């Protein structure tokens, strides 16, 4: 299957987007973005060949006690502990902290982190953390424990649950595209 995804276009200016409030006088984001046709493939048939150490992805089938992923209270109470345990088992981590929970349902016209709305999913291809921003997120989330944690390994992971019929529901499924190919 092919789909159109939006990627940053290389320019002389480095693109950025502030997730929180930007510094005074600084725009929320900067960059030029273009759509590219990419191949989207179901990785389930070859999931057992994927490795965190090689492809940096693992697909794991796991039962959950969560019955309604759109129910924030249920997801926080049940899903977050399940996710932490899953990441520990798959990665070998000794400690996992779940943060930045996102419901993958875009509300058109709504700003990210608007009052009384869930955090909006990203609308373009991106990496969640750079080396600098990843270290800063550890400091933001872990406070006084951050320096000790950053003296060792403190990787960041993204976990997601499959969503049925994304086109019909307006939900935004999580996807990892292959390399962008020229649009035809």
N, C-alpha and C. Protein backbone atom coordinates (compact mmCIF):
# COMPACT_ATOMS: atom_id res chain seq x y z
N UNK A 1 0.85 -1.17 0.00
CA UNK A 1 0.00 0.00 0.00
C UNK A 1 0.89 1.24 0.00
N UNK A 2 0.48 2.27 -0.68
CA UNK A 2 1.21 3.54 -0.69
C UNK A 2 0.34 4.60 -0.03
N UNK A 3 1.02 5.52 0.64
CA UNK A 3 0.31 6.63 1.29
C UNK A 3 1.18 7.87 1.19
N UNK A 4 0.57 9.01 1.35
CA UNK A 4 1.30 10.27 1.31
C UNK A 4 1.56 10.72 2.74
N UNK A 5 2.85 10.85 3.09
CA UNK A 5 3.25 11.33 4.41
C UNK A 5 4.05 12.62 4.23
N UNK A 6 4.03 13.45 5.24
CA UNK A 6 4.69 14.74 5.19
C UNK A 6 6.03 14.68 5.90
N UNK A 7 7.09 15.11 5.20
CA UNK A 7 8.46 15.11 5.73
C UNK A 7 9.01 16.53 5.68
N UNK A 8 9.99 16.80 6.55
CA UNK A 8 10.71 18.07 6.49
C UNK A 8 11.50 18.12 5.19
N UNK A 9 11.51 19.28 4.56
CA UNK A 9 12.28 19.50 3.34
C UNK A 9 13.57 20.21 3.72
N UNK A 10 14.69 19.75 3.18
CA UNK A 10 15.99 20.33 3.53
C UNK A 10 16.09 21.77 3.02
N UNK A 11 16.38 22.68 3.93
CA UNK A 11 16.62 24.08 3.60
C UNK A 11 17.83 24.54 4.40
N UNK A 12 18.19 25.81 4.25
CA UNK A 12 19.32 26.34 5.02
C UNK A 12 18.97 26.50 6.49
N UNK A 13 17.69 26.60 6.80
CA UNK A 13 17.28 26.76 8.20
C UNK A 13 16.91 25.40 8.80
N UNK A 14 17.34 25.17 10.00
CA UNK A 14 17.03 23.93 10.70
C UNK A 14 15.57 23.97 11.16
N UNK A 15 14.77 22.96 10.78
CA UNK A 15 13.37 22.95 11.22
C UNK A 15 13.27 22.60 12.71
N UNK A 16 12.23 23.08 13.34
CA UNK A 16 11.97 22.74 14.74
C UNK A 16 10.50 22.94 15.04
N UNK A 17 10.04 22.32 16.08
CA UNK A 17 8.70 22.55 16.62
C UNK A 17 8.80 22.46 18.13
N UNK A 18 8.36 23.48 18.82
CA UNK A 18 8.29 23.44 20.28
C UNK A 18 7.02 22.71 20.68
N UNK A 19 7.15 21.70 21.52
CA UNK A 19 5.98 20.96 22.01
C UNK A 19 5.27 21.80 23.06
N UNK A 20 6.04 22.46 23.90
CA UNK A 20 5.47 23.35 24.91
C UNK A 20 5.53 24.79 24.43
N UNK A 21 5.48 25.70 25.37
CA UNK A 21 5.53 27.13 25.07
C UNK A 21 6.94 27.50 24.58
N UNK A 22 7.07 28.15 23.41
CA UNK A 22 8.40 28.55 22.95
C UNK A 22 8.90 29.77 23.73
N UNK A 23 10.19 30.04 23.65
CA UNK A 23 10.70 31.26 24.29
C UNK A 23 10.03 32.50 23.70
N UNK A 24 10.00 33.56 24.46
CA UNK A 24 9.37 34.81 24.01
C UNK A 24 9.94 35.26 22.67
N UNK A 25 9.06 35.59 21.73
CA UNK A 25 9.47 36.09 20.43
C UNK A 25 9.91 35.03 19.44
N UNK A 26 9.85 33.76 19.83
CA UNK A 26 10.26 32.65 18.95
C UNK A 26 9.00 31.96 18.43
N UNK A 27 8.91 31.72 17.10
CA UNK A 27 7.73 31.03 16.57
C UNK A 27 7.62 29.60 17.12
N UNK A 28 6.40 29.09 17.18
CA UNK A 28 6.15 27.73 17.66
C UNK A 28 6.89 26.70 16.82
N UNK A 29 6.99 26.97 15.51
CA UNK A 29 7.70 26.04 14.64
C UNK A 29 8.31 26.77 13.45
N UNK A 30 9.26 26.09 12.83
CA UNK A 30 9.89 26.62 11.62
C UNK A 30 10.23 25.43 10.74
N UNK A 31 10.06 25.61 9.46
CA UNK A 31 10.44 24.55 8.54
C UNK A 31 9.51 24.49 7.35
N UNK A 32 10.02 23.89 6.30
CA UNK A 32 9.24 23.67 5.09
C UNK A 32 8.97 22.17 5.01
N UNK A 33 7.75 21.80 4.73
CA UNK A 33 7.37 20.39 4.72
C UNK A 33 6.71 20.05 3.39
N UNK A 34 6.99 18.83 2.92
CA UNK A 34 6.42 18.38 1.65
C UNK A 34 5.93 16.94 1.80
N UNK A 35 4.90 16.64 1.05
CA UNK A 35 4.35 15.29 1.05
C UNK A 35 5.13 14.42 0.08
N UNK A 36 5.33 13.16 0.48
CA UNK A 36 6.00 12.17 -0.36
C UNK A 36 5.19 10.88 -0.30
N UNK A 37 5.12 10.21 -1.43
CA UNK A 37 4.48 8.90 -1.46
C UNK A 37 5.46 7.89 -0.88
N UNK A 38 4.99 7.11 0.06
CA UNK A 38 5.84 6.08 0.68
C UNK A 38 5.08 4.77 0.70
N UNK A 39 5.85 3.70 0.79
CA UNK A 39 5.24 2.38 0.91
C UNK A 39 4.95 2.13 2.38
N UNK A 40 3.74 1.74 2.68
CA UNK A 40 3.34 1.37 4.03
C UNK A 40 3.10 -0.14 4.00
N UNK A 41 3.74 -0.84 4.89
CA UNK A 41 3.66 -2.29 4.88
C UNK A 41 3.26 -2.82 6.26
N UNK A 42 2.45 -3.82 6.28
CA UNK A 42 2.07 -4.49 7.51
C UNK A 42 3.25 -5.32 7.97
N UNK A 43 3.84 -4.98 9.11
CA UNK A 43 5.03 -5.68 9.59
C UNK A 43 4.70 -6.95 10.38
N UNK A 44 3.43 -7.20 10.63
CA UNK A 44 3.07 -8.38 11.42
C UNK A 44 3.59 -9.69 10.81
N UNK A 45 3.52 -9.89 9.48
CA UNK A 45 4.00 -11.16 8.93
C UNK A 45 5.49 -11.43 9.15
N UNK A 46 6.29 -10.41 9.36
CA UNK A 46 7.73 -10.64 9.59
C UNK A 46 8.19 -10.07 10.93
N UNK A 47 7.26 -9.92 11.86
CA UNK A 47 7.56 -9.35 13.18
C UNK A 47 8.65 -10.09 13.92
N UNK A 48 8.69 -11.41 13.79
CA UNK A 48 9.69 -12.19 14.53
C UNK A 48 11.11 -11.93 14.02
N UNK A 49 11.27 -11.36 12.82
CA UNK A 49 12.60 -11.06 12.28
C UNK A 49 13.08 -9.66 12.69
N UNK A 50 12.22 -8.86 13.31
CA UNK A 50 12.59 -7.50 13.70
C UNK A 50 13.29 -7.51 15.05
N UNK A 51 14.25 -6.61 15.21
CA UNK A 51 15.03 -6.56 16.44
C UNK A 51 15.20 -5.12 16.92
N UNK A 52 15.08 -4.91 18.22
CA UNK A 52 15.36 -3.59 18.77
C UNK A 52 16.79 -3.18 18.49
N UNK A 53 17.70 -4.13 18.51
CA UNK A 53 19.12 -3.84 18.31
C UNK A 53 19.49 -3.53 16.86
N UNK A 54 18.71 -4.02 15.89
CA UNK A 54 19.04 -3.82 14.48
C UNK A 54 18.09 -2.80 13.83
N UNK A 55 16.80 -3.09 13.82
CA UNK A 55 15.83 -2.19 13.17
C UNK A 55 15.26 -1.15 14.13
N UNK A 56 15.53 -1.29 15.42
CA UNK A 56 15.02 -0.38 16.46
C UNK A 56 13.50 -0.44 16.56
N UNK A 57 12.95 -1.62 16.31
CA UNK A 57 11.51 -1.81 16.46
C UNK A 57 11.24 -3.26 16.85
N UNK A 58 10.21 -3.43 17.65
CA UNK A 58 9.73 -4.76 17.99
C UNK A 58 8.21 -4.71 17.94
N UNK A 59 7.62 -5.71 17.33
CA UNK A 59 6.16 -5.85 17.31
C UNK A 59 5.83 -7.00 18.24
N UNK A 60 5.01 -6.72 19.23
CA UNK A 60 4.69 -7.72 20.24
C UNK A 60 3.19 -7.79 20.41
N UNK A 61 2.65 -8.97 20.36
CA UNK A 61 1.22 -9.17 20.61
C UNK A 61 1.05 -9.44 22.09
N UNK A 62 0.20 -8.65 22.74
CA UNK A 62 0.00 -8.77 24.18
C UNK A 62 -1.45 -8.46 24.52
N UNK A 63 -2.05 -9.27 25.33
CA UNK A 63 -3.42 -9.00 25.81
C UNK A 63 -3.39 -7.81 26.75
N UNK A 64 -4.49 -7.10 26.83
CA UNK A 64 -4.59 -5.94 27.71
C UNK A 64 -5.90 -5.97 28.48
N UNK A 65 -5.88 -5.38 29.66
CA UNK A 65 -7.10 -5.24 30.45
C UNK A 65 -7.89 -4.01 30.02
N UNK A 66 -7.28 -3.14 29.22
CA UNK A 66 -7.96 -1.93 28.74
C UNK A 66 -9.05 -2.34 27.76
N UNK A 67 -10.25 -1.88 27.99
CA UNK A 67 -11.37 -2.20 27.10
C UNK A 67 -11.76 -1.01 26.23
N UNK A 68 -11.39 0.20 26.66
CA UNK A 68 -11.73 1.39 25.90
C UNK A 68 -10.52 2.32 25.91
N UNK A 69 -9.75 2.30 24.83
CA UNK A 69 -8.53 3.12 24.77
C UNK A 69 -8.83 4.61 24.70
N UNK A 70 -10.06 4.99 24.45
CA UNK A 70 -10.42 6.40 24.42
C UNK A 70 -10.80 6.90 25.81
N UNK A 71 -10.89 6.00 26.77
CA UNK A 71 -11.19 6.35 28.17
C UNK A 71 -9.85 6.64 28.87
N UNK A 72 -9.54 7.92 29.08
CA UNK A 72 -8.25 8.31 29.65
C UNK A 72 -7.99 7.66 31.01
N UNK A 73 -9.00 7.64 31.88
CA UNK A 73 -8.80 7.07 33.22
C UNK A 73 -8.44 5.59 33.14
N UNK A 74 -9.13 4.85 32.28
CA UNK A 74 -8.86 3.42 32.11
C UNK A 74 -7.46 3.19 31.52
N UNK A 75 -7.11 4.01 30.54
CA UNK A 75 -5.81 3.86 29.91
C UNK A 75 -4.68 4.19 30.89
N UNK A 76 -4.85 5.22 31.69
CA UNK A 76 -3.83 5.58 32.68
C UNK A 76 -3.72 4.50 33.76
N UNK A 77 -4.85 4.04 34.27
CA UNK A 77 -4.85 3.08 35.39
C UNK A 77 -4.39 1.69 34.96
N UNK A 78 -4.79 1.24 33.78
CA UNK A 78 -4.48 -0.12 33.34
C UNK A 78 -3.39 -0.16 32.27
N UNK A 79 -3.51 0.69 31.28
CA UNK A 79 -2.61 0.64 30.13
C UNK A 79 -1.19 1.07 30.45
N UNK A 80 -1.02 2.11 31.25
CA UNK A 80 0.34 2.56 31.54
C UNK A 80 1.16 1.52 32.30
N UNK A 81 0.64 0.90 33.36
CA UNK A 81 1.42 -0.16 34.01
C UNK A 81 1.70 -1.35 33.08
N UNK A 82 0.73 -1.72 32.25
CA UNK A 82 0.94 -2.81 31.29
C UNK A 82 2.05 -2.44 30.30
N UNK A 83 2.04 -1.20 29.83
CA UNK A 83 3.04 -0.74 28.88
C UNK A 83 4.43 -0.76 29.51
N UNK A 84 4.53 -0.27 30.74
CA UNK A 84 5.82 -0.27 31.43
C UNK A 84 6.36 -1.70 31.56
N UNK A 85 5.50 -2.63 31.93
CA UNK A 85 5.93 -4.02 32.07
C UNK A 85 6.35 -4.61 30.73
N UNK A 86 5.61 -4.32 29.68
CA UNK A 86 5.94 -4.81 28.35
C UNK A 86 7.31 -4.28 27.90
N UNK A 87 7.55 -2.99 28.08
CA UNK A 87 8.84 -2.40 27.68
C UNK A 87 9.97 -3.03 28.47
N UNK A 88 9.76 -3.28 29.75
CA UNK A 88 10.79 -3.95 30.56
C UNK A 88 11.11 -5.33 29.98
N UNK A 89 10.08 -6.09 29.69
CA UNK A 89 10.28 -7.45 29.18
C UNK A 89 10.96 -7.47 27.82
N UNK A 90 10.55 -6.58 26.93
CA UNK A 90 11.08 -6.59 25.57
C UNK A 90 12.48 -5.99 25.49
N UNK A 91 12.73 -4.95 26.27
CA UNK A 91 14.00 -4.24 26.16
C UNK A 91 15.04 -4.65 27.20
N UNK A 92 14.59 -5.26 28.28
CA UNK A 92 15.52 -5.58 29.36
C UNK A 92 15.74 -4.42 30.31
N UNK A 93 14.96 -3.34 30.16
CA UNK A 93 15.10 -2.18 31.04
C UNK A 93 14.79 -2.56 32.49
N UNK A 94 15.48 -1.93 33.41
CA UNK A 94 15.22 -2.18 34.83
C UNK A 94 14.16 -1.25 35.37
N UNK A 95 13.93 -0.13 34.69
CA UNK A 95 12.94 0.85 35.14
C UNK A 95 12.33 1.52 33.92
N UNK A 96 11.02 1.72 33.95
CA UNK A 96 10.33 2.37 32.83
C UNK A 96 9.37 3.42 33.39
N UNK A 97 9.39 4.60 32.79
CA UNK A 97 8.47 5.68 33.15
C UNK A 97 7.66 6.01 31.91
N UNK A 98 6.36 5.89 31.99
CA UNK A 98 5.48 6.18 30.86
C UNK A 98 5.15 7.67 30.87
N UNK A 99 5.29 8.32 29.71
CA UNK A 99 5.00 9.76 29.61
C UNK A 99 4.48 10.08 28.21
N UNK A 100 3.90 11.26 28.06
CA UNK A 100 3.41 11.77 26.77
C UNK A 100 2.38 10.87 26.11
N UNK A 101 1.41 10.42 26.87
CA UNK A 101 0.32 9.61 26.32
C UNK A 101 -0.44 10.43 25.28
N UNK A 102 -0.64 9.86 24.11
CA UNK A 102 -1.34 10.55 23.02
C UNK A 102 -2.45 9.66 22.47
N UNK A 103 -3.66 10.20 22.42
CA UNK A 103 -4.75 9.52 21.72
C UNK A 103 -4.59 9.88 20.25
N UNK A 104 -4.53 8.88 19.41
CA UNK A 104 -4.25 9.14 18.00
C UNK A 104 -5.54 9.45 17.24
N UNK A 105 -6.18 10.51 17.67
CA UNK A 105 -7.41 10.97 17.02
C UNK A 105 -7.31 12.48 16.90
N UNK A 106 -7.00 12.95 15.71
CA UNK A 106 -6.83 14.39 15.49
C UNK A 106 -8.18 15.08 15.48
N UNK A 107 -8.22 16.19 16.17
CA UNK A 107 -9.41 17.03 16.16
C UNK A 107 -9.07 18.24 15.31
N UNK A 108 -9.56 18.23 14.07
CA UNK A 108 -9.20 19.25 13.10
C UNK A 108 -9.47 20.64 13.65
N UNK A 109 -8.49 21.52 13.44
CA UNK A 109 -8.62 22.90 13.87
C UNK A 109 -8.23 23.13 15.32
N UNK A 110 -8.02 22.07 16.07
CA UNK A 110 -7.66 22.21 17.48
C UNK A 110 -6.15 22.31 17.62
N UNK A 111 -5.71 23.20 18.49
CA UNK A 111 -4.29 23.33 18.76
C UNK A 111 -3.85 22.19 19.67
N UNK A 112 -2.59 21.79 19.53
CA UNK A 112 -2.05 20.77 20.42
C UNK A 112 -2.09 21.30 21.85
N UNK A 113 -2.42 20.44 22.78
CA UNK A 113 -2.46 20.76 24.21
C UNK A 113 -3.46 21.86 24.53
N UNK A 114 -4.52 21.97 23.74
CA UNK A 114 -5.58 22.93 24.03
C UNK A 114 -6.34 22.44 25.26
N UNK A 115 -6.89 23.38 26.00
CA UNK A 115 -7.61 23.02 27.22
C UNK A 115 -8.74 22.04 26.92
N UNK A 116 -8.87 21.02 27.74
CA UNK A 116 -9.94 20.03 27.69
C UNK A 116 -9.90 19.13 26.45
N UNK A 117 -8.79 19.13 25.71
CA UNK A 117 -8.66 18.24 24.56
C UNK A 117 -7.45 17.35 24.77
N UNK A 118 -7.50 16.11 24.26
CA UNK A 118 -6.31 15.26 24.35
C UNK A 118 -5.18 15.83 23.49
N UNK A 119 -3.97 15.42 23.82
CA UNK A 119 -2.82 15.83 23.03
C UNK A 119 -3.01 15.35 21.60
N UNK A 120 -2.76 16.21 20.63
CA UNK A 120 -2.97 15.89 19.22
C UNK A 120 -1.81 15.04 18.69
N UNK A 121 -2.09 14.06 17.83
CA UNK A 121 -1.00 13.31 17.20
C UNK A 121 -0.28 14.20 16.19
N UNK A 122 0.98 13.89 15.98
CA UNK A 122 1.77 14.64 15.00
C UNK A 122 1.19 14.42 13.61
N UNK A 123 1.26 15.45 12.78
CA UNK A 123 0.70 15.34 11.43
C UNK A 123 1.79 15.13 10.38
N UNK A 124 3.04 14.98 10.81
CA UNK A 124 4.11 14.75 9.85
C UNK A 124 5.15 13.80 10.43
N UNK A 125 5.94 13.21 9.56
CA UNK A 125 6.97 12.27 10.00
C UNK A 125 7.96 13.01 10.89
N UNK A 126 8.40 12.34 11.93
CA UNK A 126 9.29 13.00 12.89
C UNK A 126 9.99 11.95 13.76
N UNK A 127 10.99 12.39 14.46
CA UNK A 127 11.58 11.59 15.53
C UNK A 127 11.09 12.21 16.83
N UNK A 128 10.85 11.39 17.83
CA UNK A 128 10.33 11.92 19.07
C UNK A 128 11.39 12.66 19.88
N UNK A 129 12.63 12.20 19.83
CA UNK A 129 13.67 12.81 20.64
C UNK A 129 14.97 12.90 19.86
N UNK A 130 15.69 14.00 20.01
CA UNK A 130 17.06 14.09 19.53
C UNK A 130 17.96 13.77 20.73
N UNK A 131 19.25 13.71 20.53
CA UNK A 131 20.15 13.46 21.66
C UNK A 131 19.98 14.56 22.71
N UNK A 132 19.93 15.81 22.27
CA UNK A 132 19.78 16.93 23.21
C UNK A 132 18.39 16.96 23.84
N UNK A 133 17.35 16.82 23.03
CA UNK A 133 16.00 16.91 23.59
C UNK A 133 15.66 15.69 24.45
N UNK A 134 16.23 14.53 24.11
CA UNK A 134 16.00 13.34 24.93
C UNK A 134 16.55 13.51 26.32
N UNK A 135 17.77 14.04 26.41
CA UNK A 135 18.36 14.30 27.73
C UNK A 135 17.54 15.33 28.49
N UNK A 136 17.05 16.35 27.78
CA UNK A 136 16.24 17.37 28.44
C UNK A 136 14.92 16.79 28.94
N UNK A 137 14.31 15.88 28.17
CA UNK A 137 13.05 15.25 28.61
C UNK A 137 13.29 14.45 29.88
N UNK A 138 14.42 13.74 29.97
CA UNK A 138 14.75 13.01 31.20
C UNK A 138 14.83 14.00 32.36
N UNK A 139 15.48 15.13 32.14
CA UNK A 139 15.58 16.15 33.20
C UNK A 139 14.20 16.70 33.57
N UNK A 140 13.37 16.98 32.55
CA UNK A 140 12.03 17.53 32.81
C UNK A 140 11.16 16.56 33.60
N UNK A 141 11.24 15.28 33.24
CA UNK A 141 10.35 14.28 33.85
C UNK A 141 10.90 13.74 35.16
N UNK A 142 12.19 13.52 35.23
CA UNK A 142 12.78 12.83 36.39
C UNK A 142 13.40 13.76 37.43
N UNK A 143 13.47 15.04 37.15
CA UNK A 143 13.95 16.01 38.14
C UNK A 143 15.32 15.68 38.70
N UNK A 144 15.42 15.59 40.02
CA UNK A 144 16.70 15.40 40.70
C UNK A 144 17.35 14.06 40.38
N UNK A 145 16.58 13.10 39.92
CA UNK A 145 17.13 11.79 39.59
C UNK A 145 17.81 11.77 38.22
N UNK A 146 17.60 12.81 37.43
CA UNK A 146 18.02 12.82 36.02
C UNK A 146 19.51 12.61 35.83
N UNK A 147 20.34 13.32 36.56
CA UNK A 147 21.79 13.21 36.33
C UNK A 147 22.28 11.78 36.55
N UNK A 148 21.79 11.13 37.59
CA UNK A 148 22.20 9.74 37.84
C UNK A 148 21.71 8.83 36.73
N UNK A 149 20.49 9.05 36.26
CA UNK A 149 19.96 8.23 35.17
C UNK A 149 20.72 8.45 33.88
N UNK A 150 21.07 9.70 33.60
CA UNK A 150 21.76 10.02 32.35
C UNK A 150 23.22 9.57 32.35
N UNK A 151 23.74 9.19 33.51
CA UNK A 151 25.09 8.64 33.57
C UNK A 151 25.12 7.24 32.95
N UNK A 152 23.96 6.61 32.85
CA UNK A 152 23.83 5.30 32.20
C UNK A 152 23.03 5.46 30.93
N UNK A 153 22.34 4.40 30.54
CA UNK A 153 21.48 4.44 29.36
C UNK A 153 20.08 4.85 29.78
N UNK A 154 19.50 5.78 29.05
CA UNK A 154 18.12 6.21 29.30
C UNK A 154 17.42 6.36 27.95
N UNK A 155 17.17 5.22 27.26
CA UNK A 155 16.55 5.30 25.93
C UNK A 155 15.07 5.67 26.02
N UNK A 156 14.57 6.18 24.92
CA UNK A 156 13.16 6.53 24.80
C UNK A 156 12.50 5.55 23.83
N UNK A 157 11.31 5.10 24.16
CA UNK A 157 10.57 4.17 23.31
C UNK A 157 9.19 4.73 23.01
N UNK A 158 8.63 4.30 21.91
CA UNK A 158 7.26 4.64 21.57
C UNK A 158 6.48 3.33 21.51
N UNK A 159 5.35 3.30 22.19
CA UNK A 159 4.48 2.12 22.17
C UNK A 159 3.13 2.53 21.62
N UNK A 160 2.48 1.63 20.91
CA UNK A 160 1.17 1.94 20.37
C UNK A 160 0.33 0.70 20.25
N UNK A 161 -0.95 0.91 20.27
CA UNK A 161 -1.91 -0.18 20.08
C UNK A 161 -2.53 -0.04 18.70
N UNK A 162 -2.82 -1.14 18.03
CA UNK A 162 -3.45 -1.05 16.71
C UNK A 162 -4.85 -0.47 16.81
N UNK A 163 -5.22 0.27 15.78
CA UNK A 163 -6.55 0.87 15.74
C UNK A 163 -7.30 0.32 14.53
N UNK A 164 -8.57 -0.04 14.71
CA UNK A 164 -9.34 -0.56 13.57
C UNK A 164 -9.78 0.55 12.62
N UNK A 165 -9.85 0.24 11.36
CA UNK A 165 -10.39 1.09 10.30
C UNK A 165 -10.08 2.58 10.48
N UNK A 166 -8.80 2.98 10.39
CA UNK A 166 -8.46 4.38 10.60
C UNK A 166 -9.15 5.34 9.65
N UNK A 167 -9.35 4.93 8.40
CA UNK A 167 -10.00 5.85 7.45
C UNK A 167 -11.45 6.12 7.84
N UNK A 168 -12.13 5.09 8.30
CA UNK A 168 -13.54 5.25 8.64
C UNK A 168 -13.74 6.02 9.94
N UNK A 169 -12.78 5.94 10.86
CA UNK A 169 -12.97 6.54 12.18
C UNK A 169 -12.30 7.89 12.33
N UNK A 170 -11.45 8.28 11.39
CA UNK A 170 -10.72 9.53 11.53
C UNK A 170 -9.55 9.41 12.48
N UNK A 171 -9.22 8.22 12.92
CA UNK A 171 -8.10 8.01 13.84
C UNK A 171 -6.81 7.98 13.05
N UNK A 172 -5.73 8.33 13.68
CA UNK A 172 -4.43 8.39 13.02
C UNK A 172 -3.58 7.25 13.53
N UNK A 173 -3.44 6.16 12.77
CA UNK A 173 -2.62 5.04 13.24
C UNK A 173 -1.15 5.41 13.24
N UNK A 174 -0.42 4.75 14.10
CA UNK A 174 1.03 4.96 14.18
C UNK A 174 1.65 4.18 13.04
N UNK A 175 2.57 4.80 12.31
CA UNK A 175 3.19 4.13 11.17
C UNK A 175 4.67 4.45 11.11
N UNK A 176 5.44 3.49 10.64
CA UNK A 176 6.85 3.71 10.35
C UNK A 176 7.03 3.50 8.86
N UNK A 177 7.24 4.57 8.10
CA UNK A 177 7.36 4.40 6.66
C UNK A 177 8.72 3.91 6.25
N UNK A 178 8.77 3.30 5.07
CA UNK A 178 10.05 3.01 4.44
C UNK A 178 10.62 4.34 3.97
N UNK A 179 11.78 4.36 3.36
CA UNK A 179 12.37 5.61 2.89
C UNK A 179 11.42 6.30 1.92
N UNK A 180 11.34 7.66 1.98
CA UNK A 180 10.44 8.36 1.06
C UNK A 180 10.87 8.15 -0.39
N UNK A 181 9.89 8.06 -1.25
CA UNK A 181 10.17 7.93 -2.68
C UNK A 181 9.55 9.12 -3.37
N UNK A 182 10.07 9.52 -4.50
CA UNK A 182 9.53 10.69 -5.21
C UNK A 182 8.05 10.51 -5.53
N UNK A 183 7.29 11.57 -5.31
CA UNK A 183 5.86 11.53 -5.65
C UNK A 183 5.73 11.50 -7.17
N UNK A 184 4.76 10.74 -7.66
CA UNK A 184 4.58 10.65 -9.10
C UNK A 184 3.34 11.41 -9.52
